[in-house]
Amino acid sequence: MGRKKKKPDRYYIVSDFLHGKSSMIFKDAVRYGDSITVTKHGLPHVVILSYEKYEELVKKAEENNEKLDRNS
């Protein structure tokens, strides 16, 4: 009952960028705060993150590295 629902992954295809959808894709990354996977030939090719999400991931990585340094 208290489980958080996982949002569906957001996928776009590379050709969306050729059809003028890049602005919409970037806005989605900021609006939803999720990663967006861009596929090429049906396979993951690139991931787009909002800057806020990127900063969050960098901070977590730095904190984990500090913990590892203290424990070694």
N, C-alpha and C. Protein backbone atom coordinates (compact mmCIF):
# COMPACT_ATOMS: atom_id res chain seq x y z
N MET A 1 0.81 -1.19 0.00
CA MET A 1 0.00 0.00 0.00
C MET A 1 0.86 1.26 0.00
N GLY A 2 1.97 1.25 0.74
CA GLY A 2 2.83 2.41 0.78
C GLY A 2 3.91 2.41 -0.27
N ARG A 3 3.82 1.47 -1.21
CA ARG A 3 4.85 1.38 -2.25
C ARG A 3 4.73 2.53 -3.22
N LYS A 4 5.87 3.07 -3.58
CA LYS A 4 5.91 4.15 -4.56
C LYS A 4 5.86 3.55 -5.96
N LYS A 5 4.97 4.07 -6.78
CA LYS A 5 4.88 3.57 -8.16
C LYS A 5 6.07 4.06 -8.96
N LYS A 6 6.65 3.15 -9.72
CA LYS A 6 7.76 3.53 -10.60
C LYS A 6 7.17 4.17 -11.84
N LYS A 7 7.71 5.33 -12.17
CA LYS A 7 7.26 6.02 -13.39
C LYS A 7 7.75 5.24 -14.60
N PRO A 8 6.99 5.25 -15.66
CA PRO A 8 7.47 4.56 -16.86
C PRO A 8 8.71 5.26 -17.41
N ASP A 9 9.62 4.48 -17.94
CA ASP A 9 10.81 5.06 -18.55
C ASP A 9 10.39 5.88 -19.76
N ARG A 10 11.16 6.92 -20.00
CA ARG A 10 10.89 7.79 -21.15
C ARG A 10 11.90 7.46 -22.24
N TYR A 11 11.39 7.14 -23.41
CA TYR A 11 12.23 6.78 -24.54
C TYR A 11 11.89 7.65 -25.74
N TYR A 12 12.91 8.04 -26.44
CA TYR A 12 12.75 8.73 -27.72
C TYR A 12 13.73 8.08 -28.69
N ILE A 13 13.47 8.25 -29.96
CA ILE A 13 14.38 7.71 -30.96
C ILE A 13 15.23 8.85 -31.52
N VAL A 14 16.40 8.51 -32.00
CA VAL A 14 17.34 9.51 -32.51
C VAL A 14 16.67 10.41 -33.55
N SER A 15 15.86 9.83 -34.40
CA SER A 15 15.25 10.64 -35.47
C SER A 15 14.30 11.71 -34.94
N ASP A 16 13.85 11.58 -33.67
CA ASP A 16 13.02 12.65 -33.09
C ASP A 16 13.77 13.98 -33.10
N PHE A 17 15.09 13.92 -32.94
CA PHE A 17 15.89 15.14 -32.95
C PHE A 17 15.92 15.78 -34.34
N LEU A 18 15.76 14.97 -35.36
CA LEU A 18 15.75 15.48 -36.73
C LEU A 18 14.40 16.07 -37.11
N HIS A 19 13.39 15.76 -36.32
CA HIS A 19 12.03 16.22 -36.62
C HIS A 19 11.59 17.34 -35.69
N GLY A 20 12.56 18.08 -35.14
CA GLY A 20 12.24 19.26 -34.35
C GLY A 20 11.70 19.00 -32.96
N LYS A 21 11.95 17.82 -32.41
CA LYS A 21 11.42 17.50 -31.09
C LYS A 21 12.43 17.67 -29.96
N SER A 22 13.64 18.15 -30.28
CA SER A 22 14.68 18.22 -29.24
C SER A 22 14.27 19.13 -28.09
N SER A 23 13.66 20.25 -28.37
CA SER A 23 13.24 21.16 -27.30
C SER A 23 12.25 20.47 -26.37
N MET A 24 11.30 19.75 -26.93
CA MET A 24 10.31 19.03 -26.13
C MET A 24 11.00 17.96 -25.27
N ILE A 25 11.97 17.27 -25.84
CA ILE A 25 12.68 16.21 -25.11
C ILE A 25 13.43 16.81 -23.93
N PHE A 26 14.12 17.91 -24.16
CA PHE A 26 14.86 18.56 -23.07
C PHE A 26 13.92 19.07 -21.99
N LYS A 27 12.79 19.63 -22.39
CA LYS A 27 11.81 20.09 -21.41
C LYS A 27 11.27 18.94 -20.58
N ASP A 28 11.05 17.78 -21.21
CA ASP A 28 10.60 16.60 -20.48
C ASP A 28 11.62 16.18 -19.42
N ALA A 29 12.90 16.24 -19.76
CA ALA A 29 13.95 15.86 -18.82
C ALA A 29 13.89 16.76 -17.58
N VAL A 30 13.67 18.04 -17.79
CA VAL A 30 13.61 18.98 -16.66
C VAL A 30 12.28 18.83 -15.92
N ARG A 31 11.20 18.75 -16.65
CA ARG A 31 9.87 18.70 -16.05
C ARG A 31 9.68 17.48 -15.16
N TYR A 32 10.08 16.32 -15.64
CA TYR A 32 9.82 15.08 -14.91
C TYR A 32 11.00 14.65 -14.04
N GLY A 33 12.17 15.23 -14.25
CA GLY A 33 13.33 14.90 -13.43
C GLY A 33 13.83 13.49 -13.63
N ASP A 34 13.36 12.82 -14.64
CA ASP A 34 13.78 11.45 -14.94
C ASP A 34 14.89 11.47 -15.97
N SER A 35 15.48 10.31 -16.14
CA SER A 35 16.39 10.16 -17.26
C SER A 35 15.55 9.86 -18.50
N ILE A 36 16.06 10.25 -19.63
CA ILE A 36 15.42 9.96 -20.91
C ILE A 36 16.42 9.17 -21.73
N THR A 37 15.98 8.04 -22.22
CA THR A 37 16.84 7.20 -23.05
C THR A 37 16.53 7.48 -24.51
N VAL A 38 17.58 7.72 -25.27
CA VAL A 38 17.44 7.92 -26.70
C VAL A 38 17.96 6.65 -27.36
N THR A 39 17.12 6.07 -28.20
CA THR A 39 17.49 4.81 -28.84
C THR A 39 17.87 5.03 -30.30
N LYS A 40 18.70 4.13 -30.78
CA LYS A 40 19.11 4.13 -32.19
C LYS A 40 19.02 2.68 -32.65
N HIS A 41 18.28 2.43 -33.68
CA HIS A 41 18.04 1.07 -34.18
C HIS A 41 17.50 0.16 -33.08
N GLY A 42 16.65 0.75 -32.21
CA GLY A 42 15.99 -0.02 -31.17
C GLY A 42 16.83 -0.31 -29.94
N LEU A 43 18.05 0.20 -29.90
CA LEU A 43 18.93 -0.03 -28.75
C LEU A 43 19.25 1.27 -28.04
N PRO A 44 19.43 1.23 -26.71
CA PRO A 44 19.81 2.45 -26.00
C PRO A 44 21.09 3.02 -26.57
N HIS A 45 21.11 4.33 -26.79
CA HIS A 45 22.26 4.99 -27.41
C HIS A 45 22.82 6.10 -26.53
N VAL A 46 21.92 6.92 -25.96
CA VAL A 46 22.31 8.06 -25.14
C VAL A 46 21.27 8.25 -24.04
N VAL A 47 21.72 8.75 -22.88
CA VAL A 47 20.80 9.10 -21.80
C VAL A 47 20.88 10.60 -21.56
N ILE A 48 19.74 11.23 -21.43
CA ILE A 48 19.67 12.66 -21.16
C ILE A 48 19.13 12.84 -19.74
N LEU A 49 19.82 13.68 -18.96
CA LEU A 49 19.40 14.00 -17.60
C LEU A 49 19.22 15.50 -17.46
N SER A 50 18.34 15.89 -16.56
CA SER A 50 18.28 17.31 -16.22
C SER A 50 19.55 17.63 -15.45
N TYR A 51 19.94 18.90 -15.43
CA TYR A 51 21.14 19.29 -14.70
C TYR A 51 20.97 19.00 -13.21
N GLU A 52 19.77 19.21 -12.71
CA GLU A 52 19.47 18.93 -11.30
C GLU A 52 19.73 17.45 -10.97
N LYS A 53 19.26 16.56 -11.83
CA LYS A 53 19.46 15.13 -11.61
C LYS A 53 20.95 14.78 -11.72
N TYR A 54 21.64 15.38 -12.65
CA TYR A 54 23.07 15.16 -12.82
C TYR A 54 23.82 15.56 -11.54
N GLU A 55 23.51 16.75 -11.01
CA GLU A 55 24.15 17.22 -9.78
C GLU A 55 23.88 16.26 -8.62
N GLU A 56 22.67 15.77 -8.54
CA GLU A 56 22.29 14.81 -7.49
C GLU A 56 23.14 13.53 -7.60
N LEU A 57 23.30 13.03 -8.80
CA LEU A 57 24.10 11.82 -9.00
C LEU A 57 25.58 12.05 -8.70
N VAL A 58 26.10 13.20 -9.08
CA VAL A 58 27.51 13.52 -8.80
C VAL A 58 27.72 13.60 -7.29
N LYS A 59 26.82 14.24 -6.60
CA LYS A 59 26.93 14.37 -5.14
C LYS A 59 26.92 13.00 -4.47
N LYS A 60 26.01 12.13 -4.89
CA LYS A 60 25.95 10.78 -4.33
C LYS A 60 27.23 10.01 -4.60
N ALA A 61 27.77 10.14 -5.81
CA ALA A 61 29.02 9.45 -6.16
C ALA A 61 30.18 9.94 -5.30
N GLU A 62 30.24 11.26 -5.10
CA GLU A 62 31.30 11.83 -4.27
C GLU A 62 31.18 11.35 -2.83
N GLU A 63 29.95 11.31 -2.30
CA GLU A 63 29.74 10.82 -0.94
C GLU A 63 30.15 9.36 -0.81
N ASN A 64 29.82 8.55 -1.80
CA ASN A 64 30.20 7.14 -1.78
C ASN A 64 31.71 6.97 -1.85
N ASN A 65 32.37 7.78 -2.66
CA ASN A 65 33.83 7.72 -2.76
C ASN A 65 34.48 8.11 -1.44
N GLU A 66 33.94 9.12 -0.76
CA GLU A 66 34.47 9.53 0.53
C GLU A 66 34.33 8.40 1.56
N LYS A 67 33.18 7.73 1.55
CA LYS A 67 32.96 6.59 2.47
C LYS A 67 33.97 5.49 2.19
N LEU A 68 34.19 5.19 0.91
CA LEU A 68 35.16 4.15 0.54
C LEU A 68 36.58 4.54 0.98
N ASP A 69 36.94 5.81 0.81
CA ASP A 69 38.25 6.29 1.21
C ASP A 69 38.45 6.16 2.72
N ARG A 70 37.41 6.48 3.49
CA ARG A 70 37.51 6.40 4.95
C ARG A 70 37.62 4.94 5.42
N ASN A 71 37.01 4.04 4.69
CA ASN A 71 37.00 2.63 5.09
C ASN A 71 38.20 1.84 4.56
N SER A 72 39.06 2.45 3.76
CA SER A 72 40.20 1.70 3.24
C SER A 72 41.46 1.96 4.00
